[in-house]
Amino acid sequence: AFKRRLYDPGALTVQQFANDFFPLIL
């Protein structure tokens, strides 16, 4: 999931820290 959020162009354009990264960090 982290790999996709860091390198996928489609994910990079729409992702948000609170909605996409914070749950994974928890």
mmCIF file of all heavy atoms, coordinates in Angstrom:
data_MODEL
# 
_entry.id   MODEL 
# 
loop_
_atom_site.group_PDB 
_atom_site.id 
_atom_site.type_symbol 
_atom_site.label_atom_id 
_atom_site.label_alt_id 
_atom_site.label_comp_id 
_atom_site.label_asym_id 
_atom_site.label_entity_id 
_atom_site.label_seq_id 
_atom_site.pdbx_PDB_ins_code 
_atom_site.Cartn_x 
_atom_site.Cartn_y 
_atom_site.Cartn_z 
_atom_site.occupancy 
_atom_site.B_iso_or_equiv 
_atom_site.pdbx_formal_charge 
_atom_site.auth_seq_id 
_atom_site.auth_comp_id 
_atom_site.auth_asym_id 
_atom_site.auth_atom_id 
_atom_site.pdbx_PDB_model_num 
ATOM 1   N N   . ALA A 1 1  ? 0.822   -1.208 0.000   1.00 0.00 ? 1  ALA A N   1 
ATOM 2   C CA  . ALA A 1 1  ? 0.000   0.000  0.000   1.00 0.00 ? 1  ALA A CA  1 
ATOM 3   C C   . ALA A 1 1  ? 0.860   1.263  0.000   1.00 0.00 ? 1  ALA A C   1 
ATOM 4   O O   . ALA A 1 1  ? 0.588   2.215  -0.741  1.00 0.00 ? 1  ALA A O   1 
ATOM 5   C CB  . ALA A 1 1  ? -0.930  -0.002 1.214   1.00 0.00 ? 1  ALA A CB  1 
ATOM 6   N N   . PHE A 1 2  ? 1.914   1.279  0.817   1.00 0.00 ? 2  PHE A N   1 
ATOM 7   C CA  . PHE A 1 2  ? 2.798   2.435  0.858   1.00 0.00 ? 2  PHE A CA  1 
ATOM 8   C C   . PHE A 1 2  ? 3.520   2.628  -0.478  1.00 0.00 ? 2  PHE A C   1 
ATOM 9   O O   . PHE A 1 2  ? 3.696   3.764  -0.943  1.00 0.00 ? 2  PHE A O   1 
ATOM 10  C CB  . PHE A 1 2  ? 3.827   2.281  1.979   1.00 0.00 ? 2  PHE A CB  1 
ATOM 11  C CG  . PHE A 1 2  ? 3.387   2.851  3.290   1.00 0.00 ? 2  PHE A CG  1 
ATOM 12  C CD1 . PHE A 1 2  ? 3.269   2.045  4.411   1.00 0.00 ? 2  PHE A CD1 1 
ATOM 13  C CD2 . PHE A 1 2  ? 3.085   4.200  3.414   1.00 0.00 ? 2  PHE A CD2 1 
ATOM 14  C CE1 . PHE A 1 2  ? 2.857   2.567  5.634   1.00 0.00 ? 2  PHE A CE1 1 
ATOM 15  C CE2 . PHE A 1 2  ? 2.672   4.733  4.619   1.00 0.00 ? 2  PHE A CE2 1 
ATOM 16  C CZ  . PHE A 1 2  ? 2.565   3.919  5.734   1.00 0.00 ? 2  PHE A CZ  1 
ATOM 17  N N   . LYS A 1 3  ? 3.929   1.522  -1.086  1.00 0.00 ? 3  LYS A N   1 
ATOM 18  C CA  . LYS A 1 3  ? 4.607   1.631  -2.376  1.00 0.00 ? 3  LYS A CA  1 
ATOM 19  C C   . LYS A 1 3  ? 3.694   2.278  -3.409  1.00 0.00 ? 3  LYS A C   1 
ATOM 20  O O   . LYS A 1 3  ? 4.122   3.149  -4.180  1.00 0.00 ? 3  LYS A O   1 
ATOM 21  C CB  . LYS A 1 3  ? 5.043   0.239  -2.854  1.00 0.00 ? 3  LYS A CB  1 
ATOM 22  C CG  . LYS A 1 3  ? 5.765   0.270  -4.199  1.00 0.00 ? 3  LYS A CG  1 
ATOM 23  C CD  . LYS A 1 3  ? 6.195   -1.124 -4.630  1.00 0.00 ? 3  LYS A CD  1 
ATOM 24  C CE  . LYS A 1 3  ? 6.888   -1.082 -5.987  1.00 0.00 ? 3  LYS A CE  1 
ATOM 25  N NZ  . LYS A 1 3  ? 7.290   -2.441 -6.440  1.00 0.00 ? 3  LYS A NZ  1 
ATOM 26  N N   . ARG A 1 4  ? 2.433   1.854  -3.424  1.00 0.00 ? 4  ARG A N   1 
ATOM 27  C CA  . ARG A 1 4  ? 1.489   2.437  -4.378  1.00 0.00 ? 4  ARG A CA  1 
ATOM 28  C C   . ARG A 1 4  ? 1.275   3.919  -4.089  1.00 0.00 ? 4  ARG A C   1 
ATOM 29  O O   . ARG A 1 4  ? 1.248   4.741  -5.015  1.00 0.00 ? 4  ARG A O   1 
ATOM 30  C CB  . ARG A 1 4  ? 0.156   1.688  -4.310  1.00 0.00 ? 4  ARG A CB  1 
ATOM 31  C CG  . ARG A 1 4  ? -0.934  2.312  -5.175  1.00 0.00 ? 4  ARG A CG  1 
ATOM 32  C CD  . ARG A 1 4  ? -2.217  1.519  -5.121  1.00 0.00 ? 4  ARG A CD  1 
ATOM 33  N NE  . ARG A 1 4  ? -3.284  2.256  -5.782  1.00 0.00 ? 4  ARG A NE  1 
ATOM 34  C CZ  . ARG A 1 4  ? -4.081  3.124  -5.179  1.00 0.00 ? 4  ARG A CZ  1 
ATOM 35  N NH1 . ARG A 1 4  ? -3.953  3.337  -3.880  1.00 0.00 ? 4  ARG A NH1 1 
ATOM 36  N NH2 . ARG A 1 4  ? -5.011  3.773  -5.856  1.00 0.00 ? 4  ARG A NH2 1 
ATOM 37  N N   . ARG A 1 5  ? 1.135   4.282  -2.820  1.00 0.00 ? 5  ARG A N   1 
ATOM 38  C CA  . ARG A 1 5  ? 0.853   5.671  -2.484  1.00 0.00 ? 5  ARG A CA  1 
ATOM 39  C C   . ARG A 1 5  ? 2.053   6.575  -2.719  1.00 0.00 ? 5  ARG A C   1 
ATOM 40  O O   . ARG A 1 5  ? 1.887   7.785  -2.903  1.00 0.00 ? 5  ARG A O   1 
ATOM 41  C CB  . ARG A 1 5  ? 0.407   5.776  -1.025  1.00 0.00 ? 5  ARG A CB  1 
ATOM 42  C CG  . ARG A 1 5  ? -0.844  4.958  -0.735  1.00 0.00 ? 5  ARG A CG  1 
ATOM 43  C CD  . ARG A 1 5  ? -1.558  5.437  0.501   1.00 0.00 ? 5  ARG A CD  1 
ATOM 44  N NE  . ARG A 1 5  ? -2.733  4.623  0.795   1.00 0.00 ? 5  ARG A NE  1 
ATOM 45  C CZ  . ARG A 1 5  ? -3.868  4.669  0.137   1.00 0.00 ? 5  ARG A CZ  1 
ATOM 46  N NH1 . ARG A 1 5  ? -3.986  5.500  -0.881  1.00 0.00 ? 5  ARG A NH1 1 
ATOM 47  N NH2 . ARG A 1 5  ? -4.886  3.891  0.473   1.00 0.00 ? 5  ARG A NH2 1 
ATOM 48  N N   . LEU A 1 6  ? 3.242   6.005  -2.748  1.00 0.00 ? 6  LEU A N   1 
ATOM 49  C CA  . LEU A 1 6  ? 4.443   6.811  -2.950  1.00 0.00 ? 6  LEU A CA  1 
ATOM 50  C C   . LEU A 1 6  ? 4.871   6.908  -4.411  1.00 0.00 ? 6  LEU A C   1 
ATOM 51  O O   . LEU A 1 6  ? 5.555   7.867  -4.800  1.00 0.00 ? 6  LEU A O   1 
ATOM 52  C CB  . LEU A 1 6  ? 5.607   6.238  -2.124  1.00 0.00 ? 6  LEU A CB  1 
ATOM 53  C CG  . LEU A 1 6  ? 5.469   6.356  -0.603  1.00 0.00 ? 6  LEU A CG  1 
ATOM 54  C CD1 . LEU A 1 6  ? 6.617   5.620  0.094   1.00 0.00 ? 6  LEU A CD1 1 
ATOM 55  C CD2 . LEU A 1 6  ? 5.451   7.823  -0.172  1.00 0.00 ? 6  LEU A CD2 1 
ATOM 56  N N   . TYR A 1 7  ? 4.464   5.922  -5.238  1.00 0.00 ? 7  TYR A N   1 
ATOM 57  C CA  . TYR A 1 7  ? 4.977   5.887  -6.609  1.00 0.00 ? 7  TYR A CA  1 
ATOM 58  C C   . TYR A 1 7  ? 3.887   5.883  -7.690  1.00 0.00 ? 7  TYR A C   1 
ATOM 59  O O   . TYR A 1 7  ? 4.187   6.196  -8.843  1.00 0.00 ? 7  TYR A O   1 
ATOM 60  C CB  . TYR A 1 7  ? 5.874   4.646  -6.804  1.00 0.00 ? 7  TYR A CB  1 
ATOM 61  C CG  . TYR A 1 7  ? 7.111   4.658  -5.944  1.00 0.00 ? 7  TYR A CG  1 
ATOM 62  C CD1 . TYR A 1 7  ? 7.188   3.875  -4.795  1.00 0.00 ? 7  TYR A CD1 1 
ATOM 63  C CD2 . TYR A 1 7  ? 8.200   5.473  -6.264  1.00 0.00 ? 7  TYR A CD2 1 
ATOM 64  C CE1 . TYR A 1 7  ? 8.316   3.887  -3.989  1.00 0.00 ? 7  TYR A CE1 1 
ATOM 65  C CE2 . TYR A 1 7  ? 9.332   5.488  -5.468  1.00 0.00 ? 7  TYR A CE2 1 
ATOM 66  C CZ  . TYR A 1 7  ? 9.387   4.694  -4.336  1.00 0.00 ? 7  TYR A CZ  1 
ATOM 67  O OH  . TYR A 1 7  ? 10.500  4.715  -3.541  1.00 0.00 ? 7  TYR A OH  1 
ATOM 68  N N   . ASP A 1 8  ? 2.662   5.502  -7.358  1.00 0.00 ? 8  ASP A N   1 
ATOM 69  C CA  . ASP A 1 8  ? 1.630   5.437  -8.386  1.00 0.00 ? 8  ASP A CA  1 
ATOM 70  C C   . ASP A 1 8  ? 1.135   6.846  -8.733  1.00 0.00 ? 8  ASP A C   1 
ATOM 71  O O   . ASP A 1 8  ? 0.671   7.572  -7.853  1.00 0.00 ? 8  ASP A O   1 
ATOM 72  C CB  . ASP A 1 8  ? 0.447   4.597  -7.892  1.00 0.00 ? 8  ASP A CB  1 
ATOM 73  C CG  . ASP A 1 8  ? -0.608  4.438  -8.971  1.00 0.00 ? 8  ASP A CG  1 
ATOM 74  O OD1 . ASP A 1 8  ? -0.454  3.546  -9.814  1.00 0.00 ? 8  ASP A OD1 1 
ATOM 75  O OD2 . ASP A 1 8  ? -1.583  5.208  -8.957  1.00 0.00 ? 8  ASP A OD2 1 
ATOM 76  N N   . PRO A 1 9  ? 1.243   7.268  -10.008 1.00 0.00 ? 9  PRO A N   1 
ATOM 77  C CA  . PRO A 1 9  ? 0.845   8.633  -10.384 1.00 0.00 ? 9  PRO A CA  1 
ATOM 78  C C   . PRO A 1 9  ? -0.620  8.920  -10.074 1.00 0.00 ? 9  PRO A C   1 
ATOM 79  O O   . PRO A 1 9  ? -0.967  10.019 -9.631  1.00 0.00 ? 9  PRO A O   1 
ATOM 80  C CB  . PRO A 1 9  ? 1.114   8.689  -11.894 1.00 0.00 ? 9  PRO A CB  1 
ATOM 81  C CG  . PRO A 1 9  ? 2.132   7.620  -12.137 1.00 0.00 ? 9  PRO A CG  1 
ATOM 82  C CD  . PRO A 1 9  ? 1.813   6.536  -11.159 1.00 0.00 ? 9  PRO A CD  1 
ATOM 83  N N   . GLY A 1 10 ? -1.499  7.931  -10.303 1.00 0.00 ? 10 GLY A N   1 
ATOM 84  C CA  . GLY A 1 10 ? -2.913  8.149  -10.026 1.00 0.00 ? 10 GLY A CA  1 
ATOM 85  C C   . GLY A 1 10 ? -3.182  8.384  -8.562  1.00 0.00 ? 10 GLY A C   1 
ATOM 86  O O   . GLY A 1 10 ? -3.978  9.254  -8.184  1.00 0.00 ? 10 GLY A O   1 
ATOM 87  N N   . ALA A 1 11 ? -2.507  7.595  -7.693  1.00 0.00 ? 11 ALA A N   1 
ATOM 88  C CA  . ALA A 1 11 ? -2.704  7.751  -6.252  1.00 0.00 ? 11 ALA A CA  1 
ATOM 89  C C   . ALA A 1 11 ? -2.116  9.072  -5.753  1.00 0.00 ? 11 ALA A C   1 
ATOM 90  O O   . ALA A 1 11 ? -2.688  9.728  -4.873  1.00 0.00 ? 11 ALA A O   1 
ATOM 91  C CB  . ALA A 1 11 ? -2.078  6.578  -5.507  1.00 0.00 ? 11 ALA A CB  1 
ATOM 92  N N   . LEU A 1 12 ? -0.983  9.473  -6.323  1.00 0.00 ? 12 LEU A N   1 
ATOM 93  C CA  . LEU A 1 12 ? -0.326  10.701 -5.876  1.00 0.00 ? 12 LEU A CA  1 
ATOM 94  C C   . LEU A 1 12 ? -1.179  11.936 -6.104  1.00 0.00 ? 12 LEU A C   1 
ATOM 95  O O   . LEU A 1 12 ? -1.096  12.911 -5.345  1.00 0.00 ? 12 LEU A O   1 
ATOM 96  C CB  . LEU A 1 12 ? 1.018   10.859 -6.607  1.00 0.00 ? 12 LEU A CB  1 
ATOM 97  C CG  . LEU A 1 12 ? 2.147   9.921  -6.171  1.00 0.00 ? 12 LEU A CG  1 
ATOM 98  C CD1 . LEU A 1 12 ? 3.326   10.023 -7.123  1.00 0.00 ? 12 LEU A CD1 1 
ATOM 99  C CD2 . LEU A 1 12 ? 2.581   10.247 -4.743  1.00 0.00 ? 12 LEU A CD2 1 
ATOM 100 N N   . THR A 1 13 ? -2.014  11.914 -7.125  1.00 0.00 ? 13 THR A N   1 
ATOM 101 C CA  . THR A 1 13 ? -2.798  13.109 -7.460  1.00 0.00 ? 13 THR A CA  1 
ATOM 102 C C   . THR A 1 13 ? -4.001  13.311 -6.551  1.00 0.00 ? 13 THR A C   1 
ATOM 103 O O   . THR A 1 13 ? -4.482  14.440 -6.432  1.00 0.00 ? 13 THR A O   1 
ATOM 104 C CB  . THR A 1 13 ? -3.282  13.040 -8.916  1.00 0.00 ? 13 THR A CB  1 
ATOM 105 O OG1 . THR A 1 13 ? -4.042  11.836 -9.107  1.00 0.00 ? 13 THR A OG1 1 
ATOM 106 C CG2 . THR A 1 13 ? -2.101  13.028 -9.881  1.00 0.00 ? 13 THR A CG2 1 
ATOM 107 N N   . VAL A 1 14 ? -4.512  12.256 -5.920  1.00 0.00 ? 14 VAL A N   1 
ATOM 108 C CA  . VAL A 1 14 ? -5.762  12.378 -5.156  1.00 0.00 ? 14 VAL A CA  1 
ATOM 109 C C   . VAL A 1 14 ? -5.616  12.069 -3.672  1.00 0.00 ? 14 VAL A C   1 
ATOM 110 O O   . VAL A 1 14 ? -6.508  12.376 -2.888  1.00 0.00 ? 14 VAL A O   1 
ATOM 111 C CB  . VAL A 1 14 ? -6.852  11.456 -5.752  1.00 0.00 ? 14 VAL A CB  1 
ATOM 112 C CG1 . VAL A 1 14 ? -7.169  11.863 -7.178  1.00 0.00 ? 14 VAL A CG1 1 
ATOM 113 C CG2 . VAL A 1 14 ? -6.420  9.985  -5.705  1.00 0.00 ? 14 VAL A CG2 1 
ATOM 114 N N   . GLN A 1 15 ? -4.503  11.477 -3.252  1.00 0.00 ? 15 GLN A N   1 
ATOM 115 C CA  . GLN A 1 15 ? -4.404  11.036 -1.862  1.00 0.00 ? 15 GLN A CA  1 
ATOM 116 C C   . GLN A 1 15 ? -4.204  12.215 -0.912  1.00 0.00 ? 15 GLN A C   1 
ATOM 117 O O   . GLN A 1 15 ? -3.679  13.272 -1.294  1.00 0.00 ? 15 GLN A O   1 
ATOM 118 C CB  . GLN A 1 15 ? -3.262  10.039 -1.708  1.00 0.00 ? 15 GLN A CB  1 
ATOM 119 C CG  . GLN A 1 15 ? -1.877  10.608 -1.974  1.00 0.00 ? 15 GLN A CG  1 
ATOM 120 C CD  . GLN A 1 15 ? -0.839  9.503  -2.064  1.00 0.00 ? 15 GLN A CD  1 
ATOM 121 O OE1 . GLN A 1 15 ? -1.139  8.327  -2.054  1.00 0.00 ? 15 GLN A OE1 1 
ATOM 122 N NE2 . GLN A 1 15 ? 0.418   9.896  -2.174  1.00 0.00 ? 15 GLN A NE2 1 
ATOM 123 N N   . GLN A 1 16 ? -4.646  12.010 0.328   1.00 0.00 ? 16 GLN A N   1 
ATOM 124 C CA  . GLN A 1 16 ? -4.516  12.991 1.390   1.00 0.00 ? 16 GLN A CA  1 
ATOM 125 C C   . GLN A 1 16 ? -3.900  12.320 2.603   1.00 0.00 ? 16 GLN A C   1 
ATOM 126 O O   . GLN A 1 16 ? -4.124  11.132 2.844   1.00 0.00 ? 16 GLN A O   1 
ATOM 127 C CB  . GLN A 1 16 ? -5.882  13.583 1.747   1.00 0.00 ? 16 GLN A CB  1 
ATOM 128 C CG  . GLN A 1 16 ? -6.572  14.307 0.601   1.00 0.00 ? 16 GLN A CG  1 
ATOM 129 C CD  . GLN A 1 16 ? -7.967  14.758 0.982   1.00 0.00 ? 16 GLN A CD  1 
ATOM 130 O OE1 . GLN A 1 16 ? -8.602  14.173 1.859   1.00 0.00 ? 16 GLN A OE1 1 
ATOM 131 N NE2 . GLN A 1 16 ? -8.451  15.795 0.327   1.00 0.00 ? 16 GLN A NE2 1 
ATOM 132 N N   . PHE A 1 17 ? -3.155  13.097 3.380   1.00 0.00 ? 17 PHE A N   1 
ATOM 133 C CA  . PHE A 1 17 ? -2.476  12.507 4.538   1.00 0.00 ? 17 PHE A CA  1 
ATOM 134 C C   . PHE A 1 17 ? -3.487  11.933 5.531   1.00 0.00 ? 17 PHE A C   1 
ATOM 135 O O   . PHE A 1 17 ? -3.351  10.792 5.981   1.00 0.00 ? 17 PHE A O   1 
ATOM 136 C CB  . PHE A 1 17 ? -1.609  13.558 5.226   1.00 0.00 ? 17 PHE A CB  1 
ATOM 137 C CG  . PHE A 1 17 ? -0.961  13.050 6.487   1.00 0.00 ? 17 PHE A CG  1 
ATOM 138 C CD1 . PHE A 1 17 ? 0.199   12.287 6.431   1.00 0.00 ? 17 PHE A CD1 1 
ATOM 139 C CD2 . PHE A 1 17 ? -1.513  13.318 7.734   1.00 0.00 ? 17 PHE A CD2 1 
ATOM 140 C CE1 . PHE A 1 17 ? 0.790   11.793 7.594   1.00 0.00 ? 17 PHE A CE1 1 
ATOM 141 C CE2 . PHE A 1 17 ? -0.938  12.832 8.896   1.00 0.00 ? 17 PHE A CE2 1 
ATOM 142 C CZ  . PHE A 1 17 ? 0.217   12.071 8.818   1.00 0.00 ? 17 PHE A CZ  1 
ATOM 143 N N   . ALA A 1 18 ? -4.520  12.722 5.878   1.00 0.00 ? 18 ALA A N   1 
ATOM 144 C CA  . ALA A 1 18 ? -5.471  12.291 6.902   1.00 0.00 ? 18 ALA A CA  1 
ATOM 145 C C   . ALA A 1 18 ? -6.250  11.061 6.480   1.00 0.00 ? 18 ALA A C   1 
ATOM 146 O O   . ALA A 1 18 ? -6.573  10.203 7.310   1.00 0.00 ? 18 ALA A O   1 
ATOM 147 C CB  . ALA A 1 18 ? -6.426  13.430 7.238   1.00 0.00 ? 18 ALA A CB  1 
ATOM 148 N N   . ASN A 1 19 ? -6.540  10.943 5.194   1.00 0.00 ? 19 ASN A N   1 
ATOM 149 C CA  . ASN A 1 19 ? -7.410  9.858  4.735   1.00 0.00 ? 19 ASN A CA  1 
ATOM 150 C C   . ASN A 1 19 ? -6.640  8.638  4.259   1.00 0.00 ? 19 ASN A C   1 
ATOM 151 O O   . ASN A 1 19 ? -7.151  7.515  4.339   1.00 0.00 ? 19 ASN A O   1 
ATOM 152 C CB  . ASN A 1 19 ? -8.308  10.358 3.600   1.00 0.00 ? 19 ASN A CB  1 
ATOM 153 C CG  . ASN A 1 19 ? -9.416  9.384  3.276   1.00 0.00 ? 19 ASN A CG  1 
ATOM 154 O OD1 . ASN A 1 19 ? -10.156 8.955  4.147   1.00 0.00 ? 19 ASN A OD1 1 
ATOM 155 N ND2 . ASN A 1 19 ? -9.529  9.018  2.007   1.00 0.00 ? 19 ASN A ND2 1 
ATOM 156 N N   . ASP A 1 20 ? -5.425  8.833  3.755   1.00 0.00 ? 20 ASP A N   1 
ATOM 157 C CA  . ASP A 1 20 ? -4.694  7.736  3.123   1.00 0.00 ? 20 ASP A CA  1 
ATOM 158 C C   . ASP A 1 20 ? -3.463  7.279  3.891   1.00 0.00 ? 20 ASP A C   1 
ATOM 159 O O   . ASP A 1 20 ? -3.156  6.086  3.900   1.00 0.00 ? 20 ASP A O   1 
ATOM 160 C CB  . ASP A 1 20 ? -4.271  8.158  1.704   1.00 0.00 ? 20 ASP A CB  1 
ATOM 161 C CG  . ASP A 1 20 ? -5.460  8.429  0.811   1.00 0.00 ? 20 ASP A CG  1 
ATOM 162 O OD1 . ASP A 1 20 ? -6.184  7.471  0.498   1.00 0.00 ? 20 ASP A OD1 1 
ATOM 163 O OD2 . ASP A 1 20 ? -5.682  9.587  0.428   1.00 0.00 ? 20 ASP A OD2 1 
ATOM 164 N N   . PHE A 1 21 ? -2.750  8.209  4.542   1.00 0.00 ? 21 PHE A N   1 
ATOM 165 C CA  . PHE A 1 21 ? -1.531  7.822  5.239   1.00 0.00 ? 21 PHE A CA  1 
ATOM 166 C C   . PHE A 1 21 ? -1.742  7.600  6.736   1.00 0.00 ? 21 PHE A C   1 
ATOM 167 O O   . PHE A 1 21 ? -1.178  6.670  7.317   1.00 0.00 ? 21 PHE A O   1 
ATOM 168 C CB  . PHE A 1 21 ? -0.438  8.886  5.028   1.00 0.00 ? 21 PHE A CB  1 
ATOM 169 C CG  . PHE A 1 21 ? 0.243   8.788  3.700   1.00 0.00 ? 21 PHE A CG  1 
ATOM 170 C CD1 . PHE A 1 21 ? -0.129  9.618  2.661   1.00 0.00 ? 21 PHE A CD1 1 
ATOM 171 C CD2 . PHE A 1 21 ? 1.247   7.862  3.480   1.00 0.00 ? 21 PHE A CD2 1 
ATOM 172 C CE1 . PHE A 1 21 ? 0.490   9.527  1.426   1.00 0.00 ? 21 PHE A CE1 1 
ATOM 173 C CE2 . PHE A 1 21 ? 1.879   7.753  2.255   1.00 0.00 ? 21 PHE A CE2 1 
ATOM 174 C CZ  . PHE A 1 21 ? 1.492   8.602  1.220   1.00 0.00 ? 21 PHE A CZ  1 
ATOM 175 N N   . PHE A 1 22 ? -2.555  8.452  7.352   1.00 0.00 ? 22 PHE A N   1 
ATOM 176 C CA  . PHE A 1 22 ? -2.719  8.355  8.799   1.00 0.00 ? 22 PHE A CA  1 
ATOM 177 C C   . PHE A 1 22 ? -3.268  6.998  9.246   1.00 0.00 ? 22 PHE A C   1 
ATOM 178 O O   . PHE A 1 22 ? -2.766  6.420  10.225  1.00 0.00 ? 22 PHE A O   1 
ATOM 179 C CB  . PHE A 1 22 ? -3.620  9.491  9.299   1.00 0.00 ? 22 PHE A CB  1 
ATOM 180 C CG  . PHE A 1 22 ? -3.731  9.558  10.795  1.00 0.00 ? 22 PHE A CG  1 
ATOM 181 C CD1 . PHE A 1 22 ? -2.610  9.808  11.584  1.00 0.00 ? 22 PHE A CD1 1 
ATOM 182 C CD2 . PHE A 1 22 ? -4.950  9.369  11.426  1.00 0.00 ? 22 PHE A CD2 1 
ATOM 183 C CE1 . PHE A 1 22 ? -2.700  9.867  12.960  1.00 0.00 ? 22 PHE A CE1 1 
ATOM 184 C CE2 . PHE A 1 22 ? -5.057  9.425  12.812  1.00 0.00 ? 22 PHE A CE2 1 
ATOM 185 C CZ  . PHE A 1 22 ? -3.929  9.674  13.580  1.00 0.00 ? 22 PHE A CZ  1 
ATOM 186 N N   . PRO A 1 23 ? -4.285  6.426  8.571   1.00 0.00 ? 23 PRO A N   1 
ATOM 187 C CA  . PRO A 1 23 ? -4.750  5.085  8.985   1.00 0.00 ? 23 PRO A CA  1 
ATOM 188 C C   . PRO A 1 23 ? -3.656  4.031  8.901   1.00 0.00 ? 23 PRO A C   1 
ATOM 189 O O   . PRO A 1 23 ? -3.561  3.162  9.776   1.00 0.00 ? 23 PRO A O   1 
ATOM 190 C CB  . PRO A 1 23 ? -5.888  4.786  7.992   1.00 0.00 ? 23 PRO A CB  1 
ATOM 191 C CG  . PRO A 1 23 ? -6.333  6.119  7.508   1.00 0.00 ? 23 PRO A CG  1 
ATOM 192 C CD  . PRO A 1 23 ? -5.115  6.964  7.477   1.00 0.00 ? 23 PRO A CD  1 
ATOM 193 N N   . LEU A 1 24 ? -2.827  4.099  7.854   1.00 0.00 ? 24 LEU A N   1 
ATOM 194 C CA  . LEU A 1 24 ? -1.739  3.135  7.724   1.00 0.00 ? 24 LEU A CA  1 
ATOM 195 C C   . LEU A 1 24 ? -0.696  3.328  8.815   1.00 0.00 ? 24 LEU A C   1 
ATOM 196 O O   . LEU A 1 24 ? -0.132  2.353  9.339   1.00 0.00 ? 24 LEU A O   1 
ATOM 197 C CB  . LEU A 1 24 ? -1.084  3.269  6.352   1.00 0.00 ? 24 LEU A CB  1 
ATOM 198 C CG  . LEU A 1 24 ? -1.941  2.879  5.140   1.00 0.00 ? 24 LEU A CG  1 
ATOM 199 C CD1 . LEU A 1 24 ? -1.184  3.126  3.844   1.00 0.00 ? 24 LEU A CD1 1 
ATOM 200 C CD2 . LEU A 1 24 ? -2.372  1.425  5.226   1.00 0.00 ? 24 LEU A CD2 1 
ATOM 201 N N   . ILE A 1 25 ? -0.443  4.576  9.188   1.00 0.00 ? 25 ILE A N   1 
ATOM 202 C CA  . ILE A 1 25 ? 0.523   4.846  10.262  1.00 0.00 ? 25 ILE A CA  1 
ATOM 203 C C   . ILE A 1 25 ? 0.017   4.268  11.587  1.00 0.00 ? 25 ILE A C   1 
ATOM 204 O O   . ILE A 1 25 ? 0.793   3.696  12.372  1.00 0.00 ? 25 ILE A O   1 
ATOM 205 C CB  . ILE A 1 25 ? 0.778   6.363  10.376  1.00 0.00 ? 25 ILE A CB  1 
ATOM 206 C CG1 . ILE A 1 25 ? 1.521   6.861  9.132   1.00 0.00 ? 25 ILE A CG1 1 
ATOM 207 C CG2 . ILE A 1 25 ? 1.574   6.689  11.632  1.00 0.00 ? 25 ILE A CG2 1 
ATOM 208 C CD1 . ILE A 1 25 ? 1.664   8.365  9.059   1.00 0.00 ? 25 ILE A CD1 1 
ATOM 209 N N   . LEU A 1 26 ? -1.288  4.408  11.840  1.00 0.00 ? 26 LEU A N   1 
ATOM 210 C CA  . LEU A 1 26 ? -1.861  3.840  13.060  1.00 0.00 ? 26 LEU A CA  1 
ATOM 211 C C   . LEU A 1 26 ? -1.705  2.323  13.087  1.00 0.00 ? 26 LEU A C   1 
ATOM 212 O O   . LEU A 1 26 ? -1.287  1.739  14.100  1.00 0.00 ? 26 LEU A O   1 
ATOM 213 C CB  . LEU A 1 26 ? -3.335  4.215  13.168  1.00 0.00 ? 26 LEU A CB  1 
ATOM 214 C CG  . LEU A 1 26 ? -3.669  5.664  13.528  1.00 0.00 ? 26 LEU A CG  1 
ATOM 215 C CD1 . LEU A 1 26 ? -5.178  5.879  13.524  1.00 0.00 ? 26 LEU A CD1 1 
ATOM 216 C CD2 . LEU A 1 26 ? -3.098  6.023  14.902  1.00 0.00 ? 26 LEU A CD2 1 
# 
